[in-house]
Protein backbone atom coordinates (compact mmCIF):
# COMPACT_ATOMS: atom_id res chain seq x y z
CA UNK A 1 68.71 99.10 183.78
CA UNK A 2 69.10 101.68 180.98
CA UNK A 3 66.19 102.00 178.54
CA UNK A 4 67.75 100.99 175.05
CA UNK A 5 64.39 101.12 173.18
CA UNK A 6 63.86 104.69 173.08
CA UNK A 7 65.47 108.07 173.54
CA UNK A 8 64.15 111.71 174.19
CA UNK A 9 65.55 115.07 173.62
CA UNK A 10 64.10 118.37 174.79
CA UNK A 11 64.79 122.03 174.19
CA UNK A 12 63.06 125.24 175.13
CA UNK A 13 63.14 127.60 172.09
CA UNK A 14 62.89 131.37 172.15
CA UNK A 15 60.21 131.54 169.51
CA UNK A 16 56.42 131.55 169.33
CA UNK A 17 54.59 128.33 169.20
CA UNK A 18 53.29 128.99 165.75
CA UNK A 19 56.62 129.98 164.49
CA UNK A 20 58.17 126.79 165.66
CA UNK A 21 55.47 124.74 164.14
CA UNK A 22 55.92 126.43 160.91
CA UNK A 23 59.67 125.89 160.87
CA UNK A 24 59.11 122.17 161.32
CA UNK A 25 56.21 121.51 158.97
CA UNK A 26 56.78 124.16 156.20
CA UNK A 27 58.81 122.04 153.45
CA UNK A 28 60.94 124.99 152.35
CA UNK A 29 61.75 125.92 155.93
CA UNK A 30 62.47 122.38 157.09
CA UNK A 31 64.60 121.79 154.08
CA UNK A 32 66.60 124.89 154.76
CA UNK A 33 67.45 124.24 158.47
CA UNK A 34 67.59 120.40 158.42
CA UNK A 35 69.60 120.18 155.34
CA UNK A 36 67.40 118.52 152.71
CA UNK A 37 66.17 118.77 149.11
CA UNK A 38 62.52 117.48 149.34
CA UNK A 39 60.86 116.15 146.25
CA UNK A 40 58.38 118.35 144.46
CA UNK A 41 55.08 118.60 146.14
CA UNK A 42 56.39 117.48 149.57
CA UNK A 43 54.07 118.35 152.27
CA UNK A 44 53.67 117.58 155.88
CA UNK A 45 50.24 115.86 155.79
CA UNK A 46 49.16 112.75 157.70
CA UNK A 47 49.56 109.58 155.83
CA UNK A 48 51.90 111.12 153.17
CA UNK A 49 55.45 109.77 152.50
CA UNK A 50 57.95 112.73 152.44
CA UNK A 51 60.92 111.95 150.36
CA UNK A 52 64.22 113.67 149.23
CA UNK A 53 67.89 113.77 149.73
CA UNK A 54 70.14 115.26 152.24
CA UNK A 55 71.72 118.52 151.31
CA UNK A 56 73.70 121.15 153.12
CA UNK A 57 71.90 122.78 155.99
CA UNK A 58 71.67 126.55 155.25
CA UNK A 59 71.13 127.34 159.05
CA UNK A 60 74.79 126.71 160.05
CA UNK A 61 77.95 126.58 157.76
CA UNK A 62 79.90 124.41 160.11
CA UNK A 63 77.01 121.75 160.18
CA UNK A 64 76.85 121.83 156.37
CA UNK A 65 80.67 120.94 156.18
CA UNK A 66 80.08 118.03 158.59
CA UNK A 67 77.07 116.78 156.60
CA UNK A 68 79.05 116.80 153.44
CA UNK A 69 79.79 113.01 153.42
CA UNK A 70 76.04 112.39 153.27
CA UNK A 71 74.99 114.89 150.60
CA UNK A 72 72.60 113.07 148.22
CA UNK A 73 71.64 110.20 150.57
CA UNK A 74 68.03 109.34 150.64
CA UNK A 75 65.59 110.79 153.20
CA UNK A 76 62.14 109.14 153.71
CA UNK A 77 59.71 110.03 156.48
CA UNK A 78 56.30 108.21 156.43
CA UNK A 79 54.06 110.78 158.40
CA UNK A 80 51.75 109.09 160.79
CA UNK A 81 50.05 111.83 162.67
CA UNK A 82 50.00 115.56 162.25
CA UNK A 83 48.19 117.55 164.68
CA UNK A 84 48.46 121.13 163.95
CA UNK A 85 50.69 123.07 166.20
CA UNK A 86 50.95 120.29 168.70
CA UNK A 87 52.36 116.83 167.34
CA UNK A 88 54.15 115.43 164.40
CA UNK A 89 55.05 111.88 164.19
CA UNK A 90 56.71 109.77 161.48
CA UNK A 91 58.47 106.36 160.91
CA UNK A 92 61.93 106.27 159.30
CA UNK A 93 65.21 104.28 159.04
CA UNK A 94 67.15 106.04 161.66
CA UNK A 95 70.37 107.68 160.34
CA UNK A 96 70.32 105.26 157.35
CA UNK A 97 72.90 107.50 155.69
CA UNK A 98 75.19 107.04 158.55
CA UNK A 99 74.62 103.48 159.44
CA UNK A 100 73.75 101.71 156.19
CA UNK A 101 70.47 99.76 156.05
CA UNK A 102 71.40 96.22 154.95
CA UNK A 103 67.90 94.81 154.87
CA UNK A 104 65.23 96.95 153.13
CA UNK A 105 62.60 95.10 155.30
CA UNK A 106 64.38 96.33 158.48
CA UNK A 107 61.97 97.91 160.94
CA UNK A 108 61.63 101.49 161.31
CA UNK A 109 61.62 103.60 164.35
CA UNK A 110 58.84 105.85 165.43
CA UNK A 111 59.66 109.54 165.96
CA UNK A 112 57.21 111.78 167.77
CA UNK A 113 57.78 115.50 167.97
CA UNK A 114 55.51 117.59 170.39
CA UNK A 115 55.33 121.32 171.01
CA UNK A 116 53.84 123.15 174.12
CA UNK A 117 53.89 126.85 174.76
CA UNK A 118 55.49 128.08 177.97
CA UNK A 119 55.13 131.77 178.20
CA UNK A 120 56.79 133.44 175.23
CA UNK A 121 58.97 130.19 174.63
CA UNK A 122 58.09 126.92 173.00
CA UNK A 123 59.12 123.59 174.41
CA UNK A 124 59.96 121.00 171.89
CA UNK A 125 60.37 117.35 172.78
CA UNK A 126 61.53 114.68 170.29
CA UNK A 127 61.09 110.98 171.26
CA UNK A 128 62.29 108.13 169.07
CA UNK A 129 61.46 104.58 169.94
CA UNK A 130 61.74 101.15 168.44
CA UNK A 131 65.40 100.48 168.60
CA UNK A 132 64.90 97.13 170.43
CA UNK A 133 63.30 95.71 167.18
CA UNK A 134 66.60 95.61 165.35
CA UNK A 135 69.48 93.29 165.52
CA UNK A 136 71.80 94.24 168.37
CA UNK A 137 74.61 95.65 166.49
CA UNK A 138 72.30 97.86 164.22
CA UNK A 139 70.18 98.79 167.41
CA UNK A 140 73.35 100.20 169.16
CA UNK A 141 74.66 101.92 166.10
CA UNK A 142 71.42 103.47 165.14
CA UNK A 143 70.41 104.67 168.67
CA UNK A 144 73.83 106.33 169.06
CA UNK A 145 73.60 107.99 165.79
CA UNK A 146 70.09 109.24 166.47
CA UNK A 147 71.27 110.57 169.81
CA UNK A 148 73.93 112.53 168.22
CA UNK A 149 71.55 113.69 165.35
CA UNK A 150 68.69 114.97 167.57
CA UNK A 151 71.21 117.01 169.55
CA UNK A 152 72.32 118.55 166.04
CA UNK A 153 68.59 118.89 164.89
CA UNK A 154 67.64 120.91 167.91
CA UNK A 155 70.68 123.03 167.57
CA UNK A 156 69.88 123.65 163.88
CA UNK A 157 66.36 124.82 164.64
CA UNK A 158 67.24 126.83 167.48
CA UNK A 159 69.89 128.65 165.31
CA UNK A 160 67.34 128.86 162.50
CA UNK A 161 64.66 130.52 164.68
CA UNK A 162 67.35 132.77 166.34
CA UNK A 163 68.28 134.07 162.76
CA UNK A 164 64.51 134.90 162.15
CA UNK A 165 64.82 133.59 158.79
CA UNK A 166 61.13 133.42 157.73
CA UNK A 167 60.37 131.92 154.30
CA UNK A 168 56.62 132.28 154.62
CA UNK A 169 54.99 134.66 152.18
CA UNK A 170 54.34 138.07 153.80
CA UNK A 171 50.96 139.63 153.69
CA UNK A 172 50.75 143.04 151.98
CA UNK A 173 54.44 142.92 150.59
């Protein structure tokens, strides 16, 4: 029987472990490749609630065009665990901008992003669970949207890292 409660997506990235972690957790870099406008003071800190709206991804113009219907939609991540350079976990309404949330008390799914170094590459694994807590129609739609979305997210971060767009302040510049 197929597992309908969780999904997993993996990718091996041609970038250092630290570089991938920074792209995931630096608010400016995350917003750039993911396609978000984060609220002032946003930070990836355990226990924080990261809020903002969807915006065009700057990592890929074609993706930005397909995201257009969702510009301005709300994005909220409740950060549960942040283990530097290893693990990021949060809860959210999966693809609420694509599959509207009709009940504000609807359960959230749990997303865990893990990194592991493999030579000069970094393996990124995204696991999302909790779909079986929804009413069946919402569960099926949210899971399908998340599955498509994580494929797109890993494409965007891979493209962003390959473009070597590094928004971190440079020492001695």
